[in-house]
PDB file of N, CA and C in Angstrom:
ATOM      1  N   MET A   1       0.600  -1.342  -0.077  1.00  0.00           N
ATOM      2  CA  MET A   1       0.025   0.342   0.219  1.00  0.00           C
ATOM      3  C   MET A   1       0.813   1.042  -0.151  1.00  0.00           C
ATOM      4  N   PRO A   2       0.442   1.601  -0.834  1.00  0.00           N
ATOM      5  CA  PRO A   2       1.332   3.873  -0.752  1.00  0.00           C
ATOM      6  C   PRO A   2       1.297   4.156   0.670  1.00  0.00           C
ATOM      7  N   LEU A   3       2.189   4.960   0.480  1.00  0.00           N
ATOM      8  CA  LEU A   3       2.443   5.443   2.063  1.00  0.00           C
ATOM      9  C   LEU A   3       1.448   7.224   1.879  1.00  0.00           C
ATOM     10  N   THR A   4       0.759   7.327   2.374  1.00  0.00           N
ATOM     11  CA  THR A   4      -0.178   8.374   2.724  1.00  0.00           C
ATOM     12  C   THR A   4       0.622   9.682   2.325  1.00  0.00           C
ATOM     13  N   ALA A   5       0.428  10.804   2.157  1.00  0.00           N
ATOM     14  CA  ALA A   5       0.991  12.004   2.321  1.00  0.00           C
ATOM     15  C   ALA A   5       1.376  12.676   3.587  1.00  0.00           C
ATOM     16  N   GLU A   6       0.713  11.691   4.246  1.00  0.00           N
ATOM     17  CA  GLU A   6       1.107  12.281   6.361  1.00  0.00           C
ATOM     18  C   GLU A   6       2.866  12.057   5.951  1.00  0.00           C
ATOM     19  N   GLN A   7       2.724  10.152   5.655  1.00  0.00           N
ATOM     20  CA  GLN A   7       3.526   9.233   5.988  1.00  0.00           C
ATOM     21  C   GLN A   7       4.558   9.667   4.987  1.00  0.00           C
ATOM     22  N   GLN A   8       4.756  10.465   3.516  1.00  0.00           N
ATOM     23  CA  GLN A   8       5.580  10.833   2.672  1.00  0.00           C
ATOM     24  C   GLN A   8       6.360  12.231   3.473  1.00  0.00           C
ATOM     25  N   LEU A   9       5.381  12.782   3.935  1.00  0.00           N
ATOM     26  CA  LEU A   9       6.183  14.310   4.685  1.00  0.00           C
ATOM     27  C   LEU A   9       6.623  13.262   5.848  1.00  0.00           C
ATOM     28  N   GLU A  10       6.156  12.689   6.879  1.00  0.00           N
ATOM     29  CA  GLU A  10       6.934  11.890   7.780  1.00  0.00           C
ATOM     30  C   GLU A  10       8.637  11.004   7.083  1.00  0.00           C
ATOM     31  N   ALA A  11       8.311  10.314   5.915  1.00  0.00           N
ATOM     32  CA  ALA A  11       9.823   9.964   5.794  1.00  0.00           C
ATOM     33  C   ALA A  11      10.399  10.652   4.805  1.00  0.00           C
ATOM     34  N   MET A  12      10.120  11.843   4.343  1.00  0.00           N
ATOM     35  CA  MET A  12      11.183  12.937   4.354  1.00  0.00           C
ATOM     36  C   MET A  12      11.691  13.849   5.289  1.00  0.00           C
ATOM     37  N   ARG A  13      11.510  13.677   6.637  1.00  0.00           N
ATOM     38  CA  ARG A  13      11.747  14.300   7.811  1.00  0.00           C
ATOM     39  C   ARG A  13      12.760  13.082   7.954  1.00  0.00           C
ATOM     40  N   ARG A  14      12.570  11.641   8.159  1.00  0.00           N
ATOM     41  CA  ARG A  14      12.988  10.532   8.248  1.00  0.00           C
ATOM     42  C   ARG A  14      14.431  10.329   7.412  1.00  0.00           C
ATOM     43  N   VAL A  15      14.485  10.575   6.559  1.00  0.00           N
ATOM     44  CA  VAL A  15      15.714  11.351   5.134  1.00  0.00           C
ATOM     45  C   VAL A  15      16.358  11.099   5.600  1.00  0.00           C
ATOM     46  N   ALA A  16      15.580  12.796   6.416  1.00  0.00           N
ATOM     47  CA  ALA A  16      17.094  14.072   6.602  1.00  0.00           C
ATOM     48  C   ALA A  16      17.381  13.798   7.760  1.00  0.00           C
ATOM     49  N   ALA A  17      16.927  12.758   8.540  1.00  0.00           N
ATOM     50  CA  ALA A  17      17.659  12.459  10.005  1.00  0.00           C
ATOM     51  C   ALA A  17      18.837  11.674   9.868  1.00  0.00           C
ATOM     52  N   TRP A  18      18.196  10.685   8.918  1.00  0.00           N
ATOM     53  CA  TRP A  18      19.503   9.472   8.106  1.00  0.00           C
ATOM     54  C   TRP A  18      20.308  10.467   8.074  1.00  0.00           C
ATOM     55  N   ARG A  19      20.012  10.887   6.472  1.00  0.00           N
ATOM     56  CA  ARG A  19      21.308  12.060   6.342  1.00  0.00           C
ATOM     57  C   ARG A  19      22.937  12.742   7.276  1.00  0.00           C
ATOM     58  N   ALA A  20      21.849  13.020   8.197  1.00  0.00           N
ATOM     59  CA  ALA A  20      22.649  13.844   9.979  1.00  0.00           C
ATOM     60  C   ALA A  20      23.233  13.267   9.996  1.00  0.00           C
ATOM     61  N   ASP A  21      23.035  11.272  10.316  1.00  0.00           N
ATOM     62  CA  ASP A  21      23.663  10.325  11.080  1.00  0.00           C
ATOM     63  C   ASP A  21      23.241   9.023  10.927  1.00  0.00           C
ATOM     64  N   PRO A  22      23.805   8.834  10.267  1.00  0.00           N
ATOM     65  CA  PRO A  22      23.577   7.564   8.735  1.00  0.00           C
ATOM     66  C   PRO A  22      23.877   6.321   9.874  1.00  0.00           C
ATOM     67  N   ALA A  23      24.482   6.102  11.489  1.00  0.00           N
ATOM     68  CA  ALA A  23      24.860   5.479  11.576  1.00  0.00           C
ATOM     69  C   ALA A  23      23.795   4.814  12.585  1.00  0.00           C
ATOM     70  N   GLN A  24      22.431   6.384  12.913  1.00  0.00           N
ATOM     71  CA  GLN A  24      21.813   6.082  13.682  1.00  0.00           C
ATOM     72  C   GLN A  24      20.444   5.546  13.112  1.00  0.00           C
ATOM     73  N   PRO A  25      19.262   4.010  13.833  1.00  0.00           N
ATOM     74  CA  PRO A  25      18.237   3.697  13.399  1.00  0.00           C
ATOM     75  C   PRO A  25      17.787   4.248  12.709  1.00  0.00           C
ATOM     76  N   VAL A  26      16.765   3.793  11.502  1.00  0.00           N
ATOM     77  CA  VAL A  26      15.671   4.706  11.628  1.00  0.00           C
ATOM     78  C   VAL A  26      13.987   4.671  11.504  1.00  0.00           C
ATOM     79  N   ALA A  27      13.618   4.999  11.713  1.00  0.00           N
ATOM     80  CA  ALA A  27      11.572   4.113  12.105  1.00  0.00           C
ATOM     81  C   ALA A  27      11.393   4.296  11.020  1.00  0.00           C
ATOM     82  N   CYS A  28      10.423   3.141  10.494  1.00  0.00           N
ATOM     83  CA  CYS A  28       9.908   3.370   9.747  1.00  0.00           C
ATOM     84  C   CYS A  28       8.611   4.300   9.104  1.00  0.00           C
ATOM     85  N   PRO A  29       8.195   5.471   8.397  1.00  0.00           N
ATOM     86  CA  PRO A  29       6.887   6.326   8.896  1.00  0.00           C
ATOM     87  C   PRO A  29       6.259   5.312   8.402  1.00  0.00           C
ATOM     88  N   ALA A  30       5.423   4.586   7.971  1.00  0.00           N
ATOM     89  CA  ALA A  30       4.462   3.572   8.033  1.00  0.00           C
ATOM     90  C   ALA A  30       4.403   3.083   9.200  1.00  0.00           C
ATOM     91  N   CYS A  31       5.211   2.002   9.893  1.00  0.00           N
ATOM     92  CA  CYS A  31       4.654   1.126  11.065  1.00  0.00           C
ATOM     93  C   CYS A  31       5.624   1.611  12.375  1.00  0.00           C
ATOM     94  N   GLY A  32       6.503   2.327  12.101  1.00  0.00           N
ATOM     95  CA  GLY A  32       7.055   3.265  13.314  1.00  0.00           C
ATOM     96  C   GLY A  32       7.893   1.558  13.650  1.00  0.00           C
ATOM     97  N   THR A  33       8.692   1.143  13.487  1.00  0.00           N
ATOM     98  CA  THR A  33       9.980   0.088  14.117  1.00  0.00           C
ATOM     99  C   THR A  33      10.908   0.560  13.288  1.00  0.00           C
ATOM    100  N   PRO A  34      11.901   0.550  14.039  1.00  0.00           N
ATOM    101  CA  PRO A  34      13.655   1.338  13.996  1.00  0.00           C
ATOM    102  C   PRO A  34      13.843  -0.234  12.975  1.00  0.00           C
ATOM    103  N   GLY A  35      14.712   0.743  11.870  1.00  0.00           N
ATOM    104  CA  GLY A  35      15.093  -0.594  10.971  1.00  0.00           C
ATOM    105  C   GLY A  35      15.101  -0.414   9.223  1.00  0.00           C
ATOM    106  N   LEU A  36      14.845   0.920   8.939  1.00  0.00           N
ATOM    107  CA  LEU A  36      13.880   1.045   7.852  1.00  0.00           C
ATOM    108  C   LEU A  36      15.337   1.471   7.262  1.00  0.00           C
ATOM    109  N   ALA A  37      16.074   0.630   6.489  1.00  0.00           N
ATOM    110  CA  ALA A  37      17.012   0.588   5.244  1.00  0.00           C
ATOM    111  C   ALA A  37      16.330   1.909   4.126  1.00  0.00           C
ATOM    112  N   VAL A  38      17.986   2.731   4.229  1.00  0.00           N
ATOM    113  CA  VAL A  38      17.916   4.271   3.208  1.00  0.00           C
ATOM    114  C   VAL A  38      18.592   3.662   2.171  1.00  0.00           C
ATOM    115  N   ILE A  39      18.286   3.471   1.518  1.00  0.00           N
ATOM    116  CA  ILE A  39      19.223   3.890  -0.142  1.00  0.00           C
ATOM    117  C   ILE A  39      18.984   4.841  -0.648  1.00  0.00           C
ATOM    118  N   ASP A  40      20.672   5.877  -0.734  1.00  0.00           N
ATOM    119  CA  ASP A  40      21.021   6.957  -1.602  1.00  0.00           C
ATOM    120  C   ASP A  40      20.108   6.457  -3.271  1.00  0.00           C
ATOM    121  N   ARG A  41      19.867   6.963  -4.036  1.00  0.00           N
ATOM    122  CA  ARG A  41      19.597   6.637  -5.329  1.00  0.00           C
ATOM    123  C   ARG A  41      19.548   8.191  -6.033  1.00  0.00           C
ATOM    124  N   SER A  42      20.253   9.102  -5.703  1.00  0.00           N
ATOM    125  CA  SER A  42      19.884  10.369  -6.043  1.00  0.00           C
ATOM    126  C   SER A  42      20.339  10.751  -6.994  1.00  0.00           C
ATOM    127  N   ALA A  43      19.641  11.596  -7.704  1.00  0.00           N
ATOM    128  CA  ALA A  43      20.886  12.397  -9.300  1.00  0.00           C
ATOM    129  C   ALA A  43      20.670  13.817  -9.396  1.00  0.00           C
ATOM    130  N   ARG A  44      21.494  13.991  -7.865  1.00  0.00           N
ATOM    131  CA  ARG A  44      22.462  15.369  -8.058  1.00  0.00           C
ATOM    132  C   ARG A  44      22.720  16.041  -9.156  1.00  0.00           C
ATOM    133  N   PRO A  45      22.649  17.294 -10.029  1.00  0.00           N
ATOM    134  CA  PRO A  45      21.717  18.418  -9.061  1.00  0.00           C
ATOM    135  C   PRO A  45      20.365  18.336  -8.884  1.00  0.00           C
ATOM    136  N   HIS A  46      19.283  17.205  -9.600  1.00  0.00           N
ATOM    137  CA  HIS A  46      18.556  16.866 -10.734  1.00  0.00           C
ATOM    138  C   HIS A  46      17.278  17.084  -9.373  1.00  0.00           C
ATOM    139  N   ALA A  47      17.620  15.763  -8.543  1.00  0.00           N
ATOM    140  CA  ALA A  47      16.635  15.234  -7.564  1.00  0.00           C
ATOM    141  C   ALA A  47      17.094  14.156  -6.633  1.00  0.00           C
ATOM    142  N   GLU A  48      16.373  14.209  -5.588  1.00  0.00           N
ATOM    143  CA  GLU A  48      16.960  12.684  -4.708  1.00  0.00           C
ATOM    144  C   GLU A  48      15.810  12.065  -4.889  1.00  0.00           C
ATOM    145  N   TRP A  49      16.328  10.428  -4.609  1.00  0.00           N
ATOM    146  CA  TRP A  49      16.134   9.374  -4.872  1.00  0.00           C
ATOM    147  C   TRP A  49      16.144   8.395  -3.642  1.00  0.00           C
ATOM    148  N   TYR A  50      15.516   8.245  -2.693  1.00  0.00           N
ATOM    149  CA  TYR A  50      15.592   7.226  -2.309  1.00  0.00           C
ATOM    150  C   TYR A  50      15.083   5.459  -1.886  1.00  0.00           C
ATOM    151  N   ALA A  51      15.444   4.741  -1.676  1.00  0.00           N
ATOM    152  CA  ALA A  51      14.540   4.262  -1.928  1.00  0.00           C
ATOM    153  C   ALA A  51      14.555   3.595   0.090  1.00  0.00           C
ATOM    154  N   LEU A  52      13.570   3.144   0.382  1.00  0.00           N
ATOM    155  CA  LEU A  52      12.933   2.881   1.412  1.00  0.00           C
ATOM    156  C   LEU A  52      12.322   1.383   1.688  1.00  0.00           C
ATOM    157  N   ALA A  53      12.900   0.619   2.386  1.00  0.00           N
ATOM    158  CA  ALA A  53      12.908  -0.947   2.698  1.00  0.00           C
ATOM    159  C   ALA A  53      12.182  -1.335   4.208  1.00  0.00           C
ATOM    160  N   CYS A  54      11.558  -1.752   4.329  1.00  0.00           N
ATOM    161  CA  CYS A  54      10.972  -2.351   6.494  1.00  0.00           C
ATOM    162  C   CYS A  54      10.877  -3.499   6.127  1.00  0.00           C
ATOM    163  N   PRO A  55      11.799  -3.905   7.023  1.00  0.00           N
ATOM    164  CA  PRO A  55      11.706  -5.692   6.972  1.00  0.00           C
ATOM    165  C   PRO A  55      10.596  -5.616   7.725  1.00  0.00           C
ATOM    166  N   ALA A  56      10.105  -5.105   8.594  1.00  0.00           N
ATOM    167  CA  ALA A  56       9.289  -5.198   9.803  1.00  0.00           C
ATOM    168  C   ALA A  56       7.180  -5.227   9.192  1.00  0.00           C
ATOM    169  N   CYS A  57       7.364  -4.732   8.151  1.00  0.00           N
ATOM    170  CA  CYS A  57       5.705  -4.549   7.556  1.00  0.00           C
ATOM    171  C   CYS A  57       5.687  -4.624   6.091  1.00  0.00           C
ATOM    172  N   GLY A  58       7.028  -4.919   5.580  1.00  0.00           N
ATOM    173  CA  GLY A  58       7.275  -5.000   4.191  1.00  0.00           C
ATOM    174  C   GLY A  58       7.321  -3.609   3.600  1.00  0.00           C
ATOM    175  N   LEU A  59       7.460  -2.642   4.044  1.00  0.00           N
ATOM    176  CA  LEU A  59       7.401  -1.462   2.989  1.00  0.00           C
ATOM    177  C   LEU A  59       8.584  -0.975   1.861  1.00  0.00           C
ATOM    178  N   SER A  60       8.405  -0.630   0.674  1.00  0.00           N
ATOM    179  CA  SER A  60       8.814  -0.991   0.048  1.00  0.00           C
ATOM    180  C   SER A  60       8.529  -0.172  -1.153  1.00  0.00           C
ATOM    181  N   GLU A  61       9.155   1.691  -1.068  1.00  0.00           N
ATOM    182  CA  GLU A  61       8.889   2.001  -1.419  1.00  0.00           C
ATOM    183  C   GLU A  61      10.184   3.759  -2.497  1.00  0.00           C
ATOM    184  N   THR A  62       9.377   4.415  -3.030  1.00  0.00           N
ATOM    185  CA  THR A  62      10.593   5.143  -4.042  1.00  0.00           C
ATOM    186  C   THR A  62      10.092   6.486  -2.862  1.00  0.00           C
ATOM    187  N   LEU A  63      11.717   7.271  -2.943  1.00  0.00           N
ATOM    188  CA  LEU A  63      11.022   8.639  -1.942  1.00  0.00           C
ATOM    189  C   LEU A  63      11.877   9.480  -3.543  1.00  0.00           C
ATOM    190  N   HIS A  64      10.377  10.293  -3.643  1.00  0.00           N
ATOM    191  CA  HIS A  64      11.208  11.265  -5.096  1.00  0.00           C
ATOM    192  C   HIS A  64      11.349  12.944  -4.356  1.00  0.00           C
ATOM    193  N   ILE A  65      12.282  13.464  -4.350  1.00  0.00           N
ATOM    194  CA  ILE A  65      12.615  15.123  -3.837  1.00  0.00           C
ATOM    195  C   ILE A  65      12.721  15.737  -4.513  1.00  0.00           C
ATOM    196  N   PRO A  66      12.113  16.445  -5.520  1.00  0.00           N
ATOM    197  CA  PRO A  66      12.576  17.704  -6.967  1.00  0.00           C
ATOM    198  C   PRO A  66      13.823  18.479  -6.433  1.00  0.00           C
ATOM    199  N   LEU A  67      14.623  19.076  -7.017  1.00  0.00           N
ATOM    200  CA  LEU A  67      15.494  19.716  -6.366  1.00  0.00           C
ATOM    201  C   LEU A  67      15.270  21.122  -7.630  1.00  0.00           C
ATOM    202  N   GLY A  68      15.274  22.177  -7.217  1.00  0.00           N
ATOM    203  CA  GLY A  68      16.039  23.487  -8.004  1.00  0.00           C
ATOM    204  C   GLY A  68      16.330  23.683  -9.048  1.00  0.00           C
ATOM    205  N   ALA A  69      16.274  23.859 -10.201  1.00  0.00           N
ATOM    206  CA  ALA A  69      17.124  23.893 -10.788  1.00  0.00           C
ATOM    207  C   ALA A  69      18.397  24.211 -10.714  1.00  0.00           C
ATOM    208  N   ALA A  70      19.253  24.185 -11.338  1.00  0.00           N
ATOM    209  CA  ALA A  70      20.576  25.050 -11.264  1.00  0.00           C
ATOM    210  C   ALA A  70      20.722  26.054 -12.322  1.00  0.00           C
ATOM    211  N   VAL A  71      21.685  27.259 -10.980  1.00  0.00           N
ATOM    212  CA  VAL A  71      21.111  28.537 -11.127  1.00  0.00           C
ATOM    213  C   VAL A  71      22.792  28.648 -12.249  1.00  0.00           C
ATOM    214  N   PRO A  72      22.494  29.043 -13.666  1.00  0.00           N
ATOM    215  CA  PRO A  72      23.964  29.673 -14.229  1.00  0.00           C
ATOM    216  C   PRO A  72      24.644  30.807 -13.345  1.00  0.00           C
ATOM    217  N   THR A  73      25.925  30.802 -12.822  1.00  0.00           N
ATOM    218  CA  THR A  73      26.723  31.955 -12.171  1.00  0.00           C
ATOM    219  C   THR A  73      26.876  33.313 -13.673  1.00  0.00           C
ATOM    220  N   LEU A  74      26.768  34.627 -12.725  1.00  0.00           N
ATOM    221  CA  LEU A  74      26.707  35.736 -13.467  1.00  0.00           C
ATOM    222  C   LEU A  74      28.483  36.154 -14.138  1.00  0.00           C
ATOM    223  N   ASP A  75      29.850  35.483 -13.344  1.00  0.00           N
ATOM    224  CA  ASP A  75      31.032  35.287 -13.428  1.00  0.00           C
ATOM    225  C   ASP A  75      31.121  35.519 -14.295  1.00  0.00           C
TER     226      ASP A  75
END
């Protein structure tokens, strides 16, 4: 079952926490159980893509976070 809008927002918060400290366990945005696997498959500078998998509830989702367009320098 896909993540709800609220769960997607929570997933983004948890990915941000994972990026800040990858050694800390991450709780699943669907069931709340620690142990969420996060794989960074981003295509920066265009978008961030994360594969999320939870062994407890079977969650298997890809989270897409679009990034702003690159701004050319004026130099």
